[in-house]
Amino acid sequence: MKPFNFNEGNQEQTRREAVARARFHRWQAPGRSRVVHPAHGSIVVPHASNLAAILNAAEVWRCDWATILDAEVWAADQVEPVAKMPIHIK
């Protein structure tokens, strides 16, 4: 008899849940940064790292994060309003 495996046949769902958790935590970061891109403009997003800020900005701008690698990430003032997490998920 084969032992029960909690992850068997569930790998895609487990991956989707992990991506959703990572996205949620990325948007709950306490820091703030301004991401500036020549084509997309400027936006203030939560900041855990420069990459996380670029990922958040790309999500708001609805583009692939790999296409905005020339964006600049700057520190933002704590009183500036932060963009809300988009409802859409790619």
C-alpha atoms as a PDB file:
ATOM      1  CA  MET A   1       0.000   0.000   0.000  1.00  0.00           C
ATOM      2  CA  LYS A   2       1.263   3.442  -0.947  1.00  0.00           C
ATOM      3  CA  PRO A   3       1.604   5.942   1.957  1.00  0.00           C
ATOM      4  CA  PHE A   4      -0.608   9.029   1.853  1.00  0.00           C
ATOM      5  CA  ASN A   5       1.146  12.090   0.458  1.00  0.00           C
ATOM      6  CA  PHE A   6      -0.470  15.455   1.221  1.00  0.00           C
ATOM      7  CA  ASN A   7       1.165  17.099  -1.802  1.00  0.00           C
ATOM      8  CA  GLU A   8       0.468  14.437  -4.378  1.00  0.00           C
ATOM      9  CA  GLY A   9      -1.683  15.786  -7.201  1.00  0.00           C
ATOM     10  CA  ASN A  10      -1.759  19.137  -5.447  1.00  0.00           C
ATOM     11  CA  GLN A  11       1.511  20.653  -6.629  1.00  0.00           C
ATOM     12  CA  GLU A  12      -0.064  23.300  -8.876  1.00  0.00           C
ATOM     13  CA  GLN A  13      -2.399  24.461  -6.106  1.00  0.00           C
ATOM     14  CA  THR A  14       0.494  24.548  -3.629  1.00  0.00           C
ATOM     15  CA  ARG A  15       2.529  26.666  -6.066  1.00  0.00           C
ATOM     16  CA  ARG A  16      -0.378  29.089  -6.633  1.00  0.00           C
ATOM     17  CA  GLU A  17      -0.869  29.492  -2.883  1.00  0.00           C
ATOM     18  CA  ALA A  18       2.847  30.173  -2.362  1.00  0.00           C
ATOM     19  CA  VAL A  19       2.818  32.837  -5.108  1.00  0.00           C
ATOM     20  CA  ALA A  20      -0.275  34.452  -3.556  1.00  0.00           C
ATOM     21  CA  ARG A  21       1.359  34.490  -0.090  1.00  0.00           C
ATOM     22  CA  ALA A  22       4.551  36.032  -1.466  1.00  0.00           C
ATOM     23  CA  ARG A  23       2.526  38.691  -3.300  1.00  0.00           C
ATOM     24  CA  PHE A  24       0.497  39.513  -0.174  1.00  0.00           C
ATOM     25  CA  HIS A  25       3.618  39.878   1.991  1.00  0.00           C
ATOM     26  CA  ARG A  26       5.356  41.960  -0.689  1.00  0.00           C
ATOM     27  CA  TRP A  27       2.457  44.445  -0.609  1.00  0.00           C
ATOM     28  CA  GLN A  28       2.379  44.556   3.231  1.00  0.00           C
ATOM     29  CA  ALA A  29       5.989  45.759   3.572  1.00  0.00           C
ATOM     30  CA  PRO A  30       6.353  48.738   5.932  1.00  0.00           C
ATOM     31  CA  GLY A  31       8.847  50.712   3.810  1.00  0.00           C
ATOM     32  CA  ARG A  32       8.000  53.034   0.926  1.00  0.00           C
ATOM     33  CA  SER A  33       9.887  53.742  -2.249  1.00  0.00           C
ATOM     34  CA  ARG A  34       9.314  55.694  -5.422  1.00  0.00           C
ATOM     35  CA  VAL A  35       9.869  53.744  -8.618  1.00  0.00           C
ATOM     36  CA  VAL A  36      10.643  55.977 -11.605  1.00  0.00           C
ATOM     37  CA  HIS A  37      10.577  54.733 -15.203  1.00  0.00           C
ATOM     38  CA  PRO A  38      10.884  56.869 -18.353  1.00  0.00           C
ATOM     39  CA  ALA A  39       7.959  55.185 -20.122  1.00  0.00           C
ATOM     40  CA  HIS A  40       5.621  54.469 -17.200  1.00  0.00           C
ATOM     41  CA  GLY A  41       6.209  57.459 -14.948  1.00  0.00           C
ATOM     42  CA  SER A  42       6.583  57.465 -11.184  1.00  0.00           C
ATOM     43  CA  ILE A  43       4.740  55.615  -8.426  1.00  0.00           C
ATOM     44  CA  VAL A  44       5.122  55.087  -4.678  1.00  0.00           C
ATOM     45  CA  VAL A  45       4.906  51.427  -3.624  1.00  0.00           C
ATOM     46  CA  PRO A  46       5.656  49.340  -0.515  1.00  0.00           C
ATOM     47  CA  HIS A  47       9.363  48.525  -0.235  1.00  0.00           C
ATOM     48  CA  ALA A  48      10.936  45.406   1.215  1.00  0.00           C
ATOM     49  CA  SER A  49      13.761  45.444  -1.338  1.00  0.00           C
ATOM     50  CA  ASN A  50      14.473  47.165  -4.634  1.00  0.00           C
ATOM     51  CA  LEU A  51      13.329  44.077  -6.534  1.00  0.00           C
ATOM     52  CA  ALA A  52      10.099  43.906  -4.534  1.00  0.00           C
ATOM     53  CA  ALA A  53       9.451  47.579  -5.314  1.00  0.00           C
ATOM     54  CA  ILE A  54       9.974  46.926  -9.035  1.00  0.00           C
ATOM     55  CA  LEU A  55       7.668  43.887  -8.873  1.00  0.00           C
ATOM     56  CA  ASN A  56       4.966  45.986  -7.183  1.00  0.00           C
ATOM     57  CA  ALA A  57       5.341  48.827  -9.673  1.00  0.00           C
ATOM     58  CA  ALA A  58       5.177  46.418 -12.616  1.00  0.00           C
ATOM     59  CA  GLU A  59       2.002  44.939 -11.181  1.00  0.00           C
ATOM     60  CA  VAL A  60       0.389  48.388 -10.936  1.00  0.00           C
ATOM     61  CA  TRP A  61       1.568  49.306 -14.436  1.00  0.00           C
ATOM     62  CA  ARG A  62       0.363  45.912 -15.757  1.00  0.00           C
ATOM     63  CA  CYS A  63       3.623  45.046 -17.438  1.00  0.00           C
ATOM     64  CA  ASP A  64       6.256  42.344 -17.083  1.00  0.00           C
ATOM     65  CA  TRP A  65       8.813  43.269 -14.441  1.00  0.00           C
ATOM     66  CA  ALA A  66      11.657  42.167 -16.728  1.00  0.00           C
ATOM     67  CA  THR A  67      10.741  44.965 -19.165  1.00  0.00           C
ATOM     68  CA  ILE A  68      11.293  47.719 -16.589  1.00  0.00           C
ATOM     69  CA  LEU A  69      14.734  46.787 -15.314  1.00  0.00           C
ATOM     70  CA  ASP A  70      15.928  50.275 -16.227  1.00  0.00           C
ATOM     71  CA  ALA A  71      13.631  51.741 -13.564  1.00  0.00           C
ATOM     72  CA  GLU A  72      15.157  53.643 -10.657  1.00  0.00           C
ATOM     73  CA  VAL A  73      14.132  53.000  -7.049  1.00  0.00           C
ATOM     74  CA  TRP A  74      14.335  55.944  -4.646  1.00  0.00           C
ATOM     75  CA  ALA A  75      13.411  56.394  -1.001  1.00  0.00           C
ATOM     76  CA  ALA A  76       9.981  57.966  -0.555  1.00  0.00           C
ATOM     77  CA  ASP A  77       8.762  60.148   2.283  1.00  0.00           C
ATOM     78  CA  GLN A  78       6.579  58.299   4.808  1.00  0.00           C
ATOM     79  CA  VAL A  79       3.729  60.793   4.337  1.00  0.00           C
ATOM     80  CA  GLU A  80       3.367  60.079   0.606  1.00  0.00           C
ATOM     81  CA  PRO A  81       0.368  57.897  -0.247  1.00  0.00           C
ATOM     82  CA  VAL A  82       1.213  54.368  -1.372  1.00  0.00           C
ATOM     83  CA  ALA A  83      -0.424  52.704  -4.371  1.00  0.00           C
ATOM     84  CA  LYS A  84      -3.027  50.099  -3.457  1.00  0.00           C
ATOM     85  CA  MET A  85      -2.477  46.444  -4.298  1.00  0.00           C
ATOM     86  CA  PRO A  86      -4.175  45.751  -7.660  1.00  0.00           C
ATOM     87  CA  ILE A  87      -6.972  43.211  -7.605  1.00  0.00           C
ATOM     88  CA  HIS A  88      -5.898  41.662 -10.908  1.00  0.00           C
ATOM     89  CA  ILE A  89      -3.401  38.826 -10.886  1.00  0.00           C
ATOM     90  CA  LYS A  90      -1.478  37.846 -13.981  1.00  0.00           C
END
